[in-house]
Amino acid sequence: MATLVWAIPGFIITMKGILAYSQLPFSQWWLFAITLCVICGFYFIFGKVVKRYIAHISGLPDRSRFWHTFPLKGWLLIVFMMALGITLRHIQGIPIEFFASFYSGLGPMLLCSAVQFLKKV
């Protein structure tokens, strides 16, 4: 369950980042540097979160409900991140460069985190 909760949005966000990059001229090389910074930032953030959630999941009985996969704080974080993403997409004036660099960093890190859950199964 944890793998799906992280992998599905990771794939969707990665595809949106790639689409945003495809709409930009290749001469904006500096966006790749920003994307690398976003990847590094989320690497450290998600690394800690995934370890905590794996420890939580390991302590659950074998037959648990899917909503027990994460603690309440984890589900609230997921809802907040989804709401923030939806809100950002509807705010006028945010440049496509932001979505290209941010989504291209966030999406792959969500996918890498999903793989970490999968490896612990």
PDB file of N, CA and C in Angstrom:
ATOM      1  N   MET A   1       0.821  -1.194   0.000  1.00  0.00           N
ATOM      2  CA  MET A   1       0.000   0.000   0.000  1.00  0.00           C
ATOM      3  C   MET A   1       0.869   1.263   0.000  1.00  0.00           C
ATOM      4  N   ALA A   2       1.898   1.265   0.852  1.00  0.00           N
ATOM      5  CA  ALA A   2       2.768   2.437   0.931  1.00  0.00           C
ATOM      6  C   ALA A   2       3.449   2.697  -0.412  1.00  0.00           C
ATOM      7  N   THR A   3       3.829   1.631  -1.084  1.00  0.00           N
ATOM      8  CA  THR A   3       4.475   1.778  -2.390  1.00  0.00           C
ATOM      9  C   THR A   3       3.538   2.467  -3.369  1.00  0.00           C
ATOM     10  N   LEU A   4       2.285   2.037  -3.407  1.00  0.00           N
ATOM     11  CA  LEU A   4       1.319   2.646  -4.327  1.00  0.00           C
ATOM     12  C   LEU A   4       1.027   4.095  -3.986  1.00  0.00           C
ATOM     13  N   VAL A   5       0.895   4.395  -2.691  1.00  0.00           N
ATOM     14  CA  VAL A   5       0.577   5.754  -2.254  1.00  0.00           C
ATOM     15  C   VAL A   5       1.683   6.729  -2.667  1.00  0.00           C
ATOM     16  N   TRP A   6       2.915   6.264  -2.746  1.00  0.00           N
ATOM     17  CA  TRP A   6       4.024   7.124  -3.139  1.00  0.00           C
ATOM     18  C   TRP A   6       4.327   7.018  -4.631  1.00  0.00           C
ATOM     19  N   ALA A   7       4.151   5.849  -5.236  1.00  0.00           N
ATOM     20  CA  ALA A   7       4.533   5.656  -6.633  1.00  0.00           C
ATOM     21  C   ALA A   7       3.560   6.307  -7.614  1.00  0.00           C
ATOM     22  N   ILE A   8       2.277   6.209  -7.354  1.00  0.00           N
ATOM     23  CA  ILE A   8       1.299   6.768  -8.296  1.00  0.00           C
ATOM     24  C   ILE A   8       1.466   8.279  -8.438  1.00  0.00           C
ATOM     25  N   PRO A   9       1.464   9.045  -7.319  1.00  0.00           N
ATOM     26  CA  PRO A   9       1.706  10.487  -7.502  1.00  0.00           C
ATOM     27  C   PRO A   9       3.105  10.771  -8.044  1.00  0.00           C
ATOM     28  N   GLY A  10       4.080   9.943  -7.670  1.00  0.00           N
ATOM     29  CA  GLY A  10       5.428  10.134  -8.187  1.00  0.00           C
ATOM     30  C   GLY A  10       5.473  10.043  -9.699  1.00  0.00           C
ATOM     31  N   PHE A  11       4.785   9.059 -10.251  1.00  0.00           N
ATOM     32  CA  PHE A  11       4.737   8.906 -11.704  1.00  0.00           C
ATOM     33  C   PHE A  11       4.016  10.085 -12.353  1.00  0.00           C
ATOM     34  N   ILE A  12       2.871  10.458 -11.806  1.00  0.00           N
ATOM     35  CA  ILE A  12       2.076  11.559 -12.372  1.00  0.00           C
ATOM     36  C   ILE A  12       2.873  12.862 -12.341  1.00  0.00           C
ATOM     37  N   ILE A  13       3.511  13.149 -11.207  1.00  0.00           N
ATOM     38  CA  ILE A  13       4.268  14.395 -11.066  1.00  0.00           C
ATOM     39  C   ILE A  13       5.488  14.385 -11.981  1.00  0.00           C
ATOM     40  N   THR A  14       6.154  13.246 -12.091  1.00  0.00           N
ATOM     41  CA  THR A  14       7.297  13.150 -13.001  1.00  0.00           C
ATOM     42  C   THR A  14       6.876  13.443 -14.430  1.00  0.00           C
ATOM     43  N   MET A  15       5.762  12.877 -14.849  1.00  0.00           N
ATOM     44  CA  MET A  15       5.285  13.108 -16.217  1.00  0.00           C
ATOM     45  C   MET A  15       4.928  14.584 -16.434  1.00  0.00           C
ATOM     46  N   LYS A  16       4.336  15.226 -15.429  1.00  0.00           N
ATOM     47  CA  LYS A  16       4.015  16.657 -15.549  1.00  0.00           C
ATOM     48  C   LYS A  16       5.290  17.487 -15.634  1.00  0.00           C
ATOM     49  N   GLY A  17       6.315  17.096 -14.892  1.00  0.00           N
ATOM     50  CA  GLY A  17       7.593  17.803 -14.961  1.00  0.00           C
ATOM     51  C   GLY A  17       8.231  17.670 -16.331  1.00  0.00           C
ATOM     52  N   ILE A  18       8.213  16.456 -16.867  1.00  0.00           N
ATOM     53  CA  ILE A  18       8.777  16.222 -18.200  1.00  0.00           C
ATOM     54  C   ILE A  18       7.999  17.006 -19.251  1.00  0.00           C
ATOM     55  N   LEU A  19       6.678  17.019 -19.128  1.00  0.00           N
ATOM     56  CA  LEU A  19       5.852  17.784 -20.066  1.00  0.00           C
ATOM     57  C   LEU A  19       6.180  19.274 -19.988  1.00  0.00           C
ATOM     58  N   ALA A  20       6.339  19.784 -18.775  1.00  0.00           N
ATOM     59  CA  ALA A  20       6.674  21.199 -18.614  1.00  0.00           C
ATOM     60  C   ALA A  20       8.045  21.495 -19.225  1.00  0.00           C
ATOM     61  N   TYR A  21       9.022  20.609 -19.009  1.00  0.00           N
ATOM     62  CA  TYR A  21      10.343  20.794 -19.612  1.00  0.00           C
ATOM     63  C   TYR A  21      10.263  20.782 -21.137  1.00  0.00           C
ATOM     64  N   SER A  22       9.394  19.941 -21.686  1.00  0.00           N
ATOM     65  CA  SER A  22       9.295  19.835 -23.145  1.00  0.00           C
ATOM     66  C   SER A  22       8.735  21.106 -23.780  1.00  0.00           C
ATOM     67  N   GLN A  23       8.107  21.955 -22.993  1.00  0.00           N
ATOM     68  CA  GLN A  23       7.539  23.201 -23.504  1.00  0.00           C
ATOM     69  C   GLN A  23       8.517  24.368 -23.421  1.00  0.00           C
ATOM     70  N   LEU A  24       9.711  24.101 -22.909  1.00  0.00           N
ATOM     71  CA  LEU A  24      10.707  25.160 -22.730  1.00  0.00           C
ATOM     72  C   LEU A  24      11.842  24.995 -23.728  1.00  0.00           C
ATOM     73  N   PRO A  25      12.494  26.113 -24.072  1.00  0.00           N
ATOM     74  CA  PRO A  25      13.680  25.980 -24.938  1.00  0.00           C
ATOM     75  C   PRO A  25      14.820  25.313 -24.172  1.00  0.00           C
ATOM     76  N   PHE A  26      15.608  24.541 -24.873  1.00  0.00           N
ATOM     77  CA  PHE A  26      16.693  23.798 -24.227  1.00  0.00           C
ATOM     78  C   PHE A  26      17.772  24.724 -23.677  1.00  0.00           C
ATOM     79  N   SER A  27      17.780  25.962 -24.111  1.00  0.00           N
ATOM     80  CA  SER A  27      18.820  26.894 -23.683  1.00  0.00           C
ATOM     81  C   SER A  27      18.712  27.265 -22.203  1.00  0.00           C
ATOM     82  N   GLN A  28      17.661  26.874 -21.543  1.00  0.00           N
ATOM     83  CA  GLN A  28      17.499  27.200 -20.119  1.00  0.00           C
ATOM     84  C   GLN A  28      18.132  26.100 -19.267  1.00  0.00           C
ATOM     85  N   TRP A  29      19.430  25.937 -19.415  1.00  0.00           N
ATOM     86  CA  TRP A  29      20.200  24.898 -18.724  1.00  0.00           C
ATOM     87  C   TRP A  29      20.170  25.057 -17.223  1.00  0.00           C
ATOM     88  N   TRP A  30      20.015  26.270 -16.742  1.00  0.00           N
ATOM     89  CA  TRP A  30      20.022  26.533 -15.303  1.00  0.00           C
ATOM     90  C   TRP A  30      18.859  25.845 -14.594  1.00  0.00           C
ATOM     91  N   LEU A  31      17.806  25.525 -15.313  1.00  0.00           N
ATOM     92  CA  LEU A  31      16.691  24.803 -14.702  1.00  0.00           C
ATOM     93  C   LEU A  31      17.113  23.408 -14.254  1.00  0.00           C
ATOM     94  N   PHE A  32      18.046  22.801 -14.986  1.00  0.00           N
ATOM     95  CA  PHE A  32      18.541  21.477 -14.589  1.00  0.00           C
ATOM     96  C   PHE A  32      19.268  21.560 -13.246  1.00  0.00           C
ATOM     97  N   ALA A  33      19.987  22.656 -13.028  1.00  0.00           N
ATOM     98  CA  ALA A  33      20.674  22.852 -11.741  1.00  0.00           C
ATOM     99  C   ALA A  33      19.653  22.996 -10.615  1.00  0.00           C
ATOM    100  N   ILE A  34      18.579  23.711 -10.874  1.00  0.00           N
ATOM    101  CA  ILE A  34      17.530  23.856  -9.865  1.00  0.00           C
ATOM    102  C   ILE A  34      16.872  22.503  -9.597  1.00  0.00           C
ATOM    103  N   THR A  35      16.623  21.737 -10.652  1.00  0.00           N
ATOM    104  CA  THR A  35      16.042  20.402 -10.485  1.00  0.00           C
ATOM    105  C   THR A  35      16.935  19.525  -9.623  1.00  0.00           C
ATOM    106  N   LEU A  36      18.240  19.581  -9.842  1.00  0.00           N
ATOM    107  CA  LEU A  36      19.170  18.804  -9.010  1.00  0.00           C
ATOM    108  C   LEU A  36      19.110  19.228  -7.546  1.00  0.00           C
ATOM    109  N   CYS A  37      18.958  20.514  -7.294  1.00  0.00           N
ATOM    110  CA  CYS A  37      18.804  21.006  -5.915  1.00  0.00           C
ATOM    111  C   CYS A  37      17.511  20.481  -5.294  1.00  0.00           C
ATOM    112  N   VAL A  38      16.437  20.466  -6.071  1.00  0.00           N
ATOM    113  CA  VAL A  38      15.154  19.942  -5.579  1.00  0.00           C
ATOM    114  C   VAL A  38      15.298  18.450  -5.266  1.00  0.00           C
ATOM    115  N   ILE A  39      15.955  17.710  -6.134  1.00  0.00           N
ATOM    116  CA  ILE A  39      16.170  16.281  -5.903  1.00  0.00           C
ATOM    117  C   ILE A  39      16.956  16.061  -4.614  1.00  0.00           C
ATOM    118  N   CYS A  40      18.023  16.820  -4.431  1.00  0.00           N
ATOM    119  CA  CYS A  40      18.841  16.675  -3.211  1.00  0.00           C
ATOM    120  C   CYS A  40      18.032  17.005  -1.964  1.00  0.00           C
ATOM    121  N   GLY A  41      17.256  18.066  -2.020  1.00  0.00           N
ATOM    122  CA  GLY A  41      16.432  18.431  -0.868  1.00  0.00           C
ATOM    123  C   GLY A  41      15.428  17.356  -0.500  1.00  0.00           C
ATOM    124  N   PHE A  42      14.716  16.852  -1.492  1.00  0.00           N
ATOM    125  CA  PHE A  42      13.736  15.810  -1.219  1.00  0.00           C
ATOM    126  C   PHE A  42      14.385  14.475  -0.864  1.00  0.00           C
ATOM    127  N   TYR A  43      15.609  14.242  -1.315  1.00  0.00           N
ATOM    128  CA  TYR A  43      16.326  13.027  -0.943  1.00  0.00           C
ATOM    129  C   TYR A  43      16.475  12.951   0.578  1.00  0.00           C
ATOM    130  N   PHE A  44      16.894  14.048   1.177  1.00  0.00           N
ATOM    131  CA  PHE A  44      17.095  14.061   2.627  1.00  0.00           C
ATOM    132  C   PHE A  44      15.775  14.057   3.388  1.00  0.00           C
ATOM    133  N   ILE A  45      14.795  14.783   2.890  1.00  0.00           N
ATOM    134  CA  ILE A  45      13.489  14.828   3.564  1.00  0.00           C
ATOM    135  C   ILE A  45      12.804  13.467   3.490  1.00  0.00           C
ATOM    136  N   PHE A  46      12.676  12.920   2.281  1.00  0.00           N
ATOM    137  CA  PHE A  46      11.958  11.663   2.108  1.00  0.00           C
ATOM    138  C   PHE A  46      12.709  10.489   2.724  1.00  0.00           C
ATOM    139  N   GLY A  47      14.028  10.555   2.751  1.00  0.00           N
ATOM    140  CA  GLY A  47      14.799   9.465   3.356  1.00  0.00           C
ATOM    141  C   GLY A  47      14.422   9.256   4.813  1.00  0.00           C
ATOM    142  N   LYS A  48      14.293  10.337   5.554  1.00  0.00           N
ATOM    143  CA  LYS A  48      13.914  10.243   6.967  1.00  0.00           C
ATOM    144  C   LYS A  48      12.468   9.777   7.122  1.00  0.00           C
ATOM    145  N   VAL A  49      11.595  10.324   6.298  1.00  0.00           N
ATOM    146  CA  VAL A  49      10.175   9.986   6.389  1.00  0.00           C
ATOM    147  C   VAL A  49       9.955   8.511   6.061  1.00  0.00           C
ATOM    148  N   VAL A  50      10.593   8.027   5.010  1.00  0.00           N
ATOM    149  CA  VAL A  50      10.418   6.630   4.596  1.00  0.00           C
ATOM    150  C   VAL A  50      10.913   5.685   5.690  1.00  0.00           C
ATOM    151  N   LYS A  51      12.057   5.977   6.281  1.00  0.00           N
ATOM    152  CA  LYS A  51      12.567   5.129   7.372  1.00  0.00           C
ATOM    153  C   LYS A  51      11.578   5.082   8.532  1.00  0.00           C
ATOM    154  N   ARG A  52      11.014   6.228   8.879  1.00  0.00           N
ATOM    155  CA  ARG A  52      10.034   6.284   9.967  1.00  0.00           C
ATOM    156  C   ARG A  52       8.789   5.475   9.624  1.00  0.00           C
ATOM    157  N   TYR A  53       8.307   5.597   8.385  1.00  0.00           N
ATOM    158  CA  TYR A  53       7.108   4.864   7.985  1.00  0.00           C
ATOM    159  C   TYR A  53       7.363   3.369   7.869  1.00  0.00           C
ATOM    160  N   ILE A  54       8.548   2.998   7.411  1.00  0.00           N
ATOM    161  CA  ILE A  54       8.879   1.576   7.347  1.00  0.00           C
ATOM    162  C   ILE A  54       8.898   0.977   8.746  1.00  0.00           C
ATOM    163  N   ALA A  55       9.442   1.706   9.711  1.00  0.00           N
ATOM    164  CA  ALA A  55       9.440   1.236  11.103  1.00  0.00           C
ATOM    165  C   ALA A  55       8.008   1.106  11.619  1.00  0.00           C
ATOM    166  N   HIS A  56       7.157   2.069  11.253  1.00  0.00           N
ATOM    167  CA  HIS A  56       5.747   2.027  11.668  1.00  0.00           C
ATOM    168  C   HIS A  56       5.055   0.806  11.065  1.00  0.00           C
ATOM    169  N   ILE A  57       5.265   0.591   9.769  1.00  0.00           N
ATOM    170  CA  ILE A  57       4.616  -0.530   9.076  1.00  0.00           C
ATOM    171  C   ILE A  57       5.122  -1.861   9.615  1.00  0.00           C
ATOM    172  N   SER A  58       6.404  -1.935   9.935  1.00  0.00           N
ATOM    173  CA  SER A  58       6.980  -3.178  10.466  1.00  0.00           C
ATOM    174  C   SER A  58       6.353  -3.575  11.795  1.00  0.00           C
ATOM    175  N   GLY A  59       5.876  -2.597  12.551  1.00  0.00           N
ATOM    176  CA  GLY A  59       5.259  -2.881  13.838  1.00  0.00           C
ATOM    177  C   GLY A  59       3.791  -3.242  13.760  1.00  0.00           C
ATOM    178  N   LEU A  60       3.220  -3.192  12.576  1.00  0.00           N
ATOM    179  CA  LEU A  60       1.797  -3.511  12.419  1.00  0.00           C
ATOM    180  C   LEU A  60       1.590  -5.019  12.324  1.00  0.00           C
ATOM    181  N   PRO A  61       0.423  -5.502  12.763  1.00  0.00           N
ATOM    182  CA  PRO A  61       0.103  -6.914  12.549  1.00  0.00           C
ATOM    183  C   PRO A  61      -0.023  -7.206  11.050  1.00  0.00           C
ATOM    184  N   ASP A  62       0.108  -8.464  10.686  1.00  0.00           N
ATOM    185  CA  ASP A  62       0.067  -8.840   9.268  1.00  0.00           C
ATOM    186  C   ASP A  62      -1.243  -8.458   8.594  1.00  0.00           C
ATOM    187  N   ARG A  63      -2.329  -8.544   9.298  1.00  0.00           N
ATOM    188  CA  ARG A  63      -3.643  -8.255   8.706  1.00  0.00           C
ATOM    189  C   ARG A  63      -4.148  -6.914   9.239  1.00  0.00           C
ATOM    190  N   SER A  64      -3.628  -5.824   8.712  1.00  0.00           N
ATOM    191  CA  SER A  64      -4.043  -4.488   9.116  1.00  0.00           C
ATOM    192  C   SER A  64      -4.812  -3.821   7.991  1.00  0.00           C
ATOM    193  N   ARG A  65      -5.621  -2.875   8.343  1.00  0.00           N
ATOM    194  CA  ARG A  65      -6.359  -2.095   7.351  1.00  0.00           C
ATOM    195  C   ARG A  65      -5.402  -1.151   6.632  1.00  0.00           C
ATOM    196  N   PHE A  66      -5.763  -0.778   5.390  1.00  0.00           N
ATOM    197  CA  PHE A  66      -4.841   0.052   4.609  1.00  0.00           C
ATOM    198  C   PHE A  66      -4.612   1.417   5.248  1.00  0.00           C
ATOM    199  N   TRP A  67      -5.581   1.964   5.971  1.00  0.00           N
ATOM    200  CA  TRP A  67      -5.399   3.281   6.576  1.00  0.00           C
ATOM    201  C   TRP A  67      -4.430   3.243   7.755  1.00  0.00           C
ATOM    202  N   HIS A  68      -4.073   2.056   8.210  1.00  0.00           N
ATOM    203  CA  HIS A  68      -3.063   1.936   9.261  1.00  0.00           C
ATOM    204  C   HIS A  68      -1.641   1.991   8.689  1.00  0.00           C
ATOM    205  N   THR A  69      -1.521   2.008   7.363  1.00  0.00           N
ATOM    206  CA  THR A  69      -0.213   2.019   6.722  1.00  0.00           C
ATOM    207  C   THR A  69       0.635   3.184   7.217  1.00  0.00           C
ATOM    208  N   PHE A  70       0.016   4.343   7.359  1.00  0.00           N
ATOM    209  CA  PHE A  70       0.707   5.525   7.862  1.00  0.00           C
ATOM    210  C   PHE A  70      -0.001   6.013   9.118  1.00  0.00           C
ATOM    211  N   PRO A  71       0.713   6.679  10.003  1.00  0.00           N
ATOM    212  CA  PRO A  71       0.040   7.294  11.146  1.00  0.00           C
ATOM    213  C   PRO A  71      -0.815   8.470  10.651  1.00  0.00           C
ATOM    214  N   LEU A  72      -1.682   8.975  11.497  1.00  0.00           N
ATOM    215  CA  LEU A  72      -2.563  10.084  11.118  1.00  0.00           C
ATOM    216  C   LEU A  72      -1.757  11.264  10.583  1.00  0.00           C
ATOM    217  N   LYS A  73      -0.654  11.560  11.209  1.00  0.00           N
ATOM    218  CA  LYS A  73       0.206  12.666  10.769  1.00  0.00           C
ATOM    219  C   LYS A  73       0.668  12.448   9.318  1.00  0.00           C
ATOM    220  N   GLY A  74       0.946  11.216   8.949  1.00  0.00           N
ATOM    221  CA  GLY A  74       1.361  10.892   7.586  1.00  0.00           C
ATOM    222  C   GLY A  74       0.249  11.121   6.576  1.00  0.00           C
ATOM    223  N   TRP A  75      -0.959  10.694   6.918  1.00  0.00           N
ATOM    224  CA  TRP A  75      -2.096  10.908   6.021  1.00  0.00           C
ATOM    225  C   TRP A  75      -2.397  12.396   5.884  1.00  0.00           C
ATOM    226  N   LEU A  76      -2.275  13.142   6.981  1.00  0.00           N
ATOM    227  CA  LEU A  76      -2.496  14.590   6.907  1.00  0.00           C
ATOM    228  C   LEU A  76      -1.451  15.255   6.019  1.00  0.00           C
ATOM    229  N   LEU A  77      -0.222  14.794   6.086  1.00  0.00           N
ATOM    230  CA  LEU A  77       0.832  15.320   5.222  1.00  0.00           C
ATOM    231  C   LEU A  77       0.508  15.042   3.758  1.00  0.00           C
ATOM    232  N   ILE A  78       0.026  13.852   3.461  1.00  0.00           N
ATOM    233  CA  ILE A  78      -0.333  13.501   2.087  1.00  0.00           C
ATOM    234  C   ILE A  78      -1.459  14.398   1.586  1.00  0.00           C
ATOM    235  N   VAL A  79      -2.489  14.599   2.403  1.00  0.00           N
ATOM    236  CA  VAL A  79      -3.605  15.456   2.012  1.00  0.00           C
ATOM    237  C   VAL A  79      -3.123  16.892   1.797  1.00  0.00           C
ATOM    238  N   PHE A  80      -2.258  17.377   2.691  1.00  0.00           N
ATOM    239  CA  PHE A  80      -1.721  18.730   2.559  1.00  0.00           C
ATOM    240  C   PHE A  80      -0.924  18.878   1.264  1.00  0.00           C
ATOM    241  N   MET A  81      -0.072  17.905   0.964  1.00  0.00           N
ATOM    242  CA  MET A  81       0.748  17.974  -0.251  1.00  0.00           C
ATOM    243  C   MET A  81      -0.131  17.944  -1.509  1.00  0.00           C
ATOM    244  N   MET A  82      -1.171  17.129  -1.487  1.00  0.00           N
ATOM    245  CA  MET A  82      -2.079  17.081  -2.638  1.00  0.00           C
ATOM    246  C   MET A  82      -2.796  18.415  -2.808  1.00  0.00           C
ATOM    247  N   ALA A  83      -3.300  18.959  -1.713  1.00  0.00           N
ATOM    248  CA  ALA A  83      -4.010  20.238  -1.774  1.00  0.00           C
ATOM    249  C   ALA A  83      -3.074  21.352  -2.243  1.00  0.00           C
ATOM    250  N   LEU A  84      -1.842  21.340  -1.770  1.00  0.00           N
ATOM    251  CA  LEU A  84      -0.873  22.346  -2.189  1.00  0.00           C
ATOM    252  C   LEU A  84      -0.583  22.222  -3.683  1.00  0.00           C
ATOM    253  N   GLY A  85      -0.406  21.002  -4.160  1.00  0.00           N
ATOM    254  CA  GLY A  85      -0.160  20.795  -5.588  1.00  0.00           C
ATOM    255  C   GLY A  85      -1.313  21.258  -6.456  1.00  0.00           C
ATOM    256  N   ILE A  86      -2.523  20.939  -6.040  1.00  0.00           N
ATOM    257  CA  ILE A  86      -3.708  21.355  -6.807  1.00  0.00           C
ATOM    258  C   ILE A  86      -3.837  22.872  -6.788  1.00  0.00           C
ATOM    259  N   THR A  87      -3.593  23.476  -5.635  1.00  0.00           N
ATOM    260  CA  THR A  87      -3.670  24.931  -5.518  1.00  0.00           C
ATOM    261  C   THR A  87      -2.635  25.610  -6.401  1.00  0.00           C
ATOM    262  N   LEU A  88      -1.405  25.113  -6.387  1.00  0.00           N
ATOM    263  CA  LEU A  88      -0.354  25.713  -7.209  1.00  0.00           C
ATOM    264  C   LEU A  88      -0.705  25.679  -8.691  1.00  0.00           C
ATOM    265  N   ARG A  89      -1.320  24.599  -9.131  1.00  0.00           N
ATOM    266  CA  ARG A  89      -1.668  24.490 -10.549  1.00  0.00           C
ATOM    267  C   ARG A  89      -2.755  25.483 -10.953  1.00  0.00           C
ATOM    268  N   HIS A  90      -3.538  25.954  -9.998  1.00  0.00           N
ATOM    269  CA  HIS A  90      -4.633  26.865 -10.319  1.00  0.00           C
ATOM    270  C   HIS A  90      -4.298  28.334 -10.057  1.00  0.00           C
ATOM    271  N   ILE A  91      -3.122  28.609  -9.552  1.00  0.00           N
ATOM    272  CA  ILE A  91      -2.716  29.996  -9.330  1.00  0.00           C
ATOM    273  C   ILE A  91      -2.152  30.543 -10.641  1.00  0.00           C
ATOM    274  N   GLN A  92      -2.725  31.630 -11.079  1.00  0.00           N
ATOM    275  CA  GLN A  92      -2.269  32.255 -12.317  1.00  0.00           C
ATOM    276  C   GLN A  92      -0.921  32.939 -12.082  1.00  0.00           C
ATOM    277  N   GLY A  93      -0.063  32.902 -13.058  1.00  0.00           N
ATOM    278  CA  GLY A  93       1.188  33.645 -12.998  1.00  0.00           C
ATOM    279  C   GLY A  93       2.396  32.848 -12.541  1.00  0.00           C
ATOM    280  N   ILE A  94       2.204  31.600 -12.098  1.00  0.00           N
ATOM    281  CA  ILE A  94       3.367  30.792 -11.736  1.00  0.00           C
ATOM    282  C   ILE A  94       3.998  30.312 -13.042  1.00  0.00           C
ATOM    283  N   PRO A  95       5.264  30.623 -13.236  1.00  0.00           N
ATOM    284  CA  PRO A  95       5.887  30.284 -14.526  1.00  0.00           C
ATOM    285  C   PRO A  95       6.069  28.784 -14.719  1.00  0.00           C
ATOM    286  N   ILE A  96       6.045  28.377 -15.968  1.00  0.00           N
ATOM    287  CA  ILE A  96       6.211  26.964 -16.310  1.00  0.00           C
ATOM    288  C   ILE A  96       7.580  26.452 -15.871  1.00  0.00           C
ATOM    289  N   GLU A  97       8.556  27.339 -15.786  1.00  0.00           N
ATOM    290  CA  GLU A  97       9.888  26.950 -15.325  1.00  0.00           C
ATOM    291  C   GLU A  97       9.840  26.376 -13.911  1.00  0.00           C
ATOM    292  N   PHE A  98       8.961  26.939 -13.082  1.00  0.00           N
ATOM    293  CA  PHE A  98       8.813  26.429 -11.721  1.00  0.00           C
ATOM    294  C   PHE A  98       8.327  24.990 -11.752  1.00  0.00           C
ATOM    295  N   PHE A  99       7.280  24.737 -12.526  1.00  0.00           N
ATOM    296  CA  PHE A  99       6.722  23.387 -12.586  1.00  0.00           C
ATOM    297  C   PHE A  99       7.721  22.409 -13.201  1.00  0.00           C
ATOM    298  N   ALA A 100       8.455  22.857 -14.199  1.00  0.00           N
ATOM    299  CA  ALA A 100       9.437  21.969 -14.840  1.00  0.00           C
ATOM    300  C   ALA A 100      10.496  21.537 -13.839  1.00  0.00           C
ATOM    301  N   SER A 101      11.078  22.485 -13.136  1.00  0.00           N
ATOM    302  CA  SER A 101      12.170  22.137 -12.226  1.00  0.00           C
ATOM    303  C   SER A 101      11.671  21.467 -10.947  1.00  0.00           C
ATOM    304  N   PHE A 102      10.573  21.951 -10.385  1.00  0.00           N
ATOM    305  CA  PHE A 102      10.075  21.399  -9.128  1.00  0.00           C
ATOM    306  C   PHE A 102       9.497  20.005  -9.313  1.00  0.00           C
ATOM    307  N   TYR A 103       8.640  19.847 -10.295  1.00  0.00           N
ATOM    308  CA  TYR A 103       8.017  18.542 -10.517  1.00  0.00           C
ATOM    309  C   TYR A 103       9.030  17.502 -10.987  1.00  0.00           C
ATOM    310  N   SER A 104      10.017  17.929 -11.773  1.00  0.00           N
ATOM    311  CA  SER A 104      11.035  16.989 -12.234  1.00  0.00           C
ATOM    312  C   SER A 104      11.973  16.559 -11.112  1.00  0.00           C
ATOM    313  N   GLY A 105      11.978  17.273 -10.013  1.00  0.00           N
ATOM    314  CA  GLY A 105      12.731  16.864  -8.835  1.00  0.00           C
ATOM    315  C   GLY A 105      11.888  16.068  -7.857  1.00  0.00           C
ATOM    316  N   LEU A 106      10.675  16.528  -7.625  1.00  0.00           N
ATOM    317  CA  LEU A 106       9.773  15.878  -6.658  1.00  0.00           C
ATOM    318  C   LEU A 106       9.328  14.499  -7.131  1.00  0.00           C
ATOM    319  N   GLY A 107       8.888  14.394  -8.368  1.00  0.00           N
ATOM    320  CA  GLY A 107       8.346  13.134  -8.882  1.00  0.00           C
ATOM    321  C   GLY A 107       9.316  11.966  -8.787  1.00  0.00           C
ATOM    322  N   PRO A 108      10.521  12.104  -9.313  1.00  0.00           N
ATOM    323  CA  PRO A 108      11.468  10.989  -9.209  1.00  0.00           C
ATOM    324  C   PRO A 108      11.812  10.611  -7.769  1.00  0.00           C
ATOM    325  N   MET A 109      11.838  11.584  -6.875  1.00  0.00           N
ATOM    326  CA  MET A 109      12.135  11.258  -5.480  1.00  0.00           C
ATOM    327  C   MET A 109      10.977  10.506  -4.825  1.00  0.00           C
ATOM    328  N   LEU A 110       9.745  10.814  -5.219  1.00  0.00           N
ATOM    329  CA  LEU A 110       8.608  10.027  -4.739  1.00  0.00           C
ATOM    330  C   LEU A 110       8.709   8.592  -5.262  1.00  0.00           C
ATOM    331  N   LEU A 111       9.107   8.435  -6.517  1.00  0.00           N
ATOM    332  CA  LEU A 111       9.276   7.092  -7.082  1.00  0.00           C
ATOM    333  C   LEU A 111      10.392   6.329  -6.376  1.00  0.00           C
ATOM    334  N   CYS A 112      11.491   7.004  -6.090  1.00  0.00           N
ATOM    335  CA  CYS A 112      12.596   6.346  -5.362  1.00  0.00           C
ATOM    336  C   CYS A 112      12.154   5.929  -3.964  1.00  0.00           C
ATOM    337  N   SER A 113      11.343   6.757  -3.333  1.00  0.00           N
ATOM    338  CA  SER A 113      10.828   6.409  -2.010  1.00  0.00           C
ATOM    339  C   SER A 113       9.906   5.201  -2.093  1.00  0.00           C
ATOM    340  N   ALA A 114       9.097   5.139  -3.137  1.00  0.00           N
ATOM    341  CA  ALA A 114       8.217   3.981  -3.323  1.00  0.00           C
ATOM    342  C   ALA A 114       9.034   2.711  -3.471  1.00  0.00           C
ATOM    343  N   VAL A 115      10.152   2.799  -4.170  1.00  0.00           N
ATOM    344  CA  VAL A 115      11.027   1.636  -4.321  1.00  0.00           C
ATOM    345  C   VAL A 115      11.589   1.216  -2.965  1.00  0.00           C
ATOM    346  N   GLN A 116      11.898   2.179  -2.108  1.00  0.00           N
ATOM    347  CA  GLN A 116      12.400   1.851  -0.770  1.00  0.00           C
ATOM    348  C   GLN A 116      11.369   1.055   0.020  1.00  0.00           C
ATOM    349  N   PHE A 117      10.086   1.437  -0.088  1.00  0.00           N
ATOM    350  CA  PHE A 117       9.030   0.665   0.577  1.00  0.00           C
ATOM    351  C   PHE A 117       8.970  -0.751   0.012  1.00  0.00           C
ATOM    352  N   LEU A 118       9.072  -0.835  -1.306  1.00  0.00           N
ATOM    353  CA  LEU A 118       8.985  -2.127  -1.971  1.00  0.00           C
ATOM    354  C   LEU A 118      10.141  -3.048  -1.574  1.00  0.00           C
ATOM    355  N   LYS A 119      11.334  -2.489  -1.409  1.00  0.00           N
ATOM    356  CA  LYS A 119      12.492  -3.294  -1.044  1.00  0.00           C
ATOM    357  C   LYS A 119      12.386  -3.848   0.371  1.00  0.00           C
ATOM    358  N   LYS A 120      11.613  -3.218   1.229  1.00  0.00           N
ATOM    359  CA  LYS A 120      11.496  -3.669   2.624  1.00  0.00           C
ATOM    360  C   LYS A 120      10.409  -4.713   2.819  1.00  0.00           C
ATOM    361  N   VAL A 121       9.654  -5.008   1.768  1.00  0.00           N
ATOM    362  CA  VAL A 121       8.580  -6.003   1.884  1.00  0.00           C
ATOM    363  C   VAL A 121       9.147  -7.395   1.941  1.00  0.00           C
TER     364      VAL A 121
END
